[in-house]
Amino acid sequence: MDKVIDSKCPGSDPTQKAVPQSFTCPECGGDIEIWTDESKGKCSSCHKTFTREQVK
């Protein structure tokens, strides 16, 4: 049986590209950047970590 290898890198598929989303920190009002392929991010000011659900 031959092994099927996908010759396309998943990172090169434009429909799968992650993009950053900006949120306001609920603690200090600083900026939190969470990429679309991640579930949490860290505030640039107070350095606390928040999930996407906590900052929506």
N, C-alpha and C. Protein backbone atom coordinates (compact mmCIF):
# COMPACT_ATOMS: atom_id res chain seq x y z
N MET A 1 0.84 -1.18 0.00
CA MET A 1 0.00 0.00 0.00
C MET A 1 0.88 1.24 0.00
N ASP A 2 0.61 2.19 -0.88
CA ASP A 2 1.38 3.42 -0.95
C ASP A 2 0.86 4.44 0.06
N LYS A 3 1.78 5.18 0.61
CA LYS A 3 1.43 6.23 1.55
C LYS A 3 1.09 7.49 0.77
N VAL A 4 -0.01 8.14 1.09
CA VAL A 4 -0.41 9.38 0.44
C VAL A 4 0.13 10.54 1.26
N ILE A 5 0.89 11.38 0.60
CA ILE A 5 1.47 12.54 1.27
C ILE A 5 0.89 13.80 0.65
N ASP A 6 0.37 14.66 1.51
CA ASP A 6 -0.18 15.93 1.05
C ASP A 6 1.01 16.87 0.80
N SER A 7 1.16 17.31 -0.43
CA SER A 7 2.32 18.15 -0.78
C SER A 7 2.11 19.62 -0.45
N LYS A 8 0.96 19.97 0.06
CA LYS A 8 0.66 21.37 0.37
C LYS A 8 0.86 21.63 1.86
N CYS A 9 1.62 22.63 2.18
CA CYS A 9 1.84 23.03 3.57
C CYS A 9 0.58 23.71 4.10
N PRO A 10 0.06 23.31 5.28
CA PRO A 10 -1.17 23.92 5.78
C PRO A 10 -1.01 25.42 6.05
N GLY A 11 0.19 25.88 6.33
CA GLY A 11 0.41 27.30 6.57
C GLY A 11 0.35 28.14 5.32
N SER A 12 0.41 27.50 4.15
CA SER A 12 0.37 28.27 2.91
C SER A 12 -1.04 28.42 2.36
N ASP A 13 -2.02 27.82 3.00
CA ASP A 13 -3.41 27.92 2.56
C ASP A 13 -4.00 29.24 3.07
N PRO A 14 -4.35 30.16 2.17
CA PRO A 14 -4.83 31.48 2.60
C PRO A 14 -6.12 31.42 3.41
N THR A 15 -6.89 30.35 3.28
CA THR A 15 -8.12 30.25 4.06
C THR A 15 -7.83 29.85 5.50
N GLN A 16 -6.62 29.42 5.80
CA GLN A 16 -6.24 28.99 7.13
C GLN A 16 -5.32 29.98 7.84
N LYS A 17 -5.10 31.15 7.28
CA LYS A 17 -4.17 32.12 7.87
C LYS A 17 -4.76 32.73 9.14
N ALA A 18 -3.96 32.75 10.18
CA ALA A 18 -4.37 33.38 11.44
C ALA A 18 -4.13 34.88 11.35
N VAL A 19 -5.01 35.64 11.96
CA VAL A 19 -4.87 37.09 12.02
C VAL A 19 -5.06 37.54 13.46
N PRO A 20 -4.41 38.63 13.84
CA PRO A 20 -4.55 39.12 15.22
C PRO A 20 -5.87 39.87 15.40
N GLN A 21 -6.43 39.74 16.59
CA GLN A 21 -7.60 40.52 16.97
C GLN A 21 -7.24 41.27 18.24
N SER A 22 -7.68 42.53 18.34
CA SER A 22 -7.36 43.36 19.50
C SER A 22 -8.56 43.45 20.43
N PHE A 23 -8.27 43.39 21.73
CA PHE A 23 -9.28 43.49 22.77
C PHE A 23 -8.76 44.43 23.85
N THR A 24 -9.68 44.94 24.68
CA THR A 24 -9.31 45.80 25.79
C THR A 24 -9.26 44.96 27.06
N CYS A 25 -8.20 45.12 27.82
CA CYS A 25 -8.02 44.38 29.06
C CYS A 25 -9.10 44.79 30.06
N PRO A 26 -9.82 43.82 30.63
CA PRO A 26 -10.85 44.14 31.61
C PRO A 26 -10.29 44.61 32.96
N GLU A 27 -9.00 44.38 33.19
CA GLU A 27 -8.37 44.77 34.45
C GLU A 27 -7.81 46.20 34.41
N CYS A 28 -7.05 46.53 33.35
CA CYS A 28 -6.35 47.82 33.33
C CYS A 28 -6.65 48.67 32.11
N GLY A 29 -7.38 48.13 31.14
CA GLY A 29 -7.68 48.90 29.94
C GLY A 29 -6.60 48.84 28.87
N GLY A 30 -5.57 48.04 29.11
CA GLY A 30 -4.49 47.89 28.14
C GLY A 30 -4.93 47.08 26.93
N ASP A 31 -4.00 46.85 26.03
CA ASP A 31 -4.28 46.11 24.81
C ASP A 31 -3.96 44.63 24.96
N ILE A 32 -4.88 43.80 24.46
CA ILE A 32 -4.67 42.36 24.42
C ILE A 32 -4.81 41.93 22.97
N GLU A 33 -3.81 41.23 22.47
CA GLU A 33 -3.84 40.72 21.10
C GLU A 33 -4.00 39.20 21.16
N ILE A 34 -5.08 38.71 20.55
CA ILE A 34 -5.31 37.26 20.48
C ILE A 34 -5.45 36.89 19.02
N TRP A 35 -4.61 35.99 18.55
CA TRP A 35 -4.65 35.53 17.17
C TRP A 35 -5.85 34.61 16.99
N THR A 36 -6.41 34.59 15.80
CA THR A 36 -7.62 33.80 15.54
C THR A 36 -7.41 32.30 15.72
N ASP A 37 -6.18 31.84 15.71
CA ASP A 37 -5.93 30.41 15.94
C ASP A 37 -5.52 30.12 17.39
N GLU A 38 -5.67 31.11 18.27
CA GLU A 38 -5.34 30.94 19.69
C GLU A 38 -6.58 31.21 20.53
N SER A 39 -6.58 30.71 21.75
CA SER A 39 -7.74 30.89 22.62
C SER A 39 -7.51 31.91 23.73
N LYS A 40 -6.26 32.35 23.92
CA LYS A 40 -5.99 33.33 24.96
C LYS A 40 -4.83 34.23 24.58
N GLY A 41 -4.72 35.36 25.28
CA GLY A 41 -3.66 36.32 25.02
C GLY A 41 -3.29 37.04 26.30
N LYS A 42 -2.17 37.77 26.26
CA LYS A 42 -1.66 38.46 27.44
C LYS A 42 -1.73 39.96 27.23
N CYS A 43 -2.15 40.67 28.28
CA CYS A 43 -2.22 42.13 28.24
C CYS A 43 -0.81 42.70 28.14
N SER A 44 -0.65 43.69 27.27
CA SER A 44 0.67 44.31 27.09
C SER A 44 1.03 45.22 28.26
N SER A 45 0.05 45.62 29.07
CA SER A 45 0.32 46.52 30.20
C SER A 45 0.49 45.78 31.53
N CYS A 46 -0.54 45.02 31.94
CA CYS A 46 -0.48 44.36 33.25
C CYS A 46 0.01 42.92 33.16
N HIS A 47 0.18 42.41 31.95
CA HIS A 47 0.73 41.07 31.69
C HIS A 47 -0.13 39.92 32.20
N LYS A 48 -1.41 40.18 32.48
CA LYS A 48 -2.32 39.11 32.88
C LYS A 48 -2.84 38.42 31.62
N THR A 49 -3.11 37.13 31.73
CA THR A 49 -3.59 36.34 30.60
C THR A 49 -5.11 36.20 30.68
N PHE A 50 -5.77 36.37 29.51
CA PHE A 50 -7.21 36.28 29.44
C PHE A 50 -7.60 35.40 28.25
N THR A 51 -8.70 34.69 28.41
CA THR A 51 -9.24 33.91 27.29
C THR A 51 -10.07 34.83 26.41
N ARG A 52 -10.32 34.39 25.22
CA ARG A 52 -11.15 35.15 24.27
C ARG A 52 -12.54 35.43 24.89
N GLU A 53 -13.09 34.43 25.60
CA GLU A 53 -14.42 34.59 26.20
C GLU A 53 -14.42 35.66 27.30
N GLN A 54 -13.30 35.80 28.02
CA GLN A 54 -13.24 36.79 29.10
C GLN A 54 -13.19 38.22 28.59
N VAL A 55 -12.72 38.42 27.39
CA VAL A 55 -12.56 39.80 26.88
C VAL A 55 -13.63 40.21 25.86
N LYS A 56 -14.55 39.30 25.53
CA LYS A 56 -15.62 39.64 24.59
C LYS A 56 -16.66 40.48 25.25
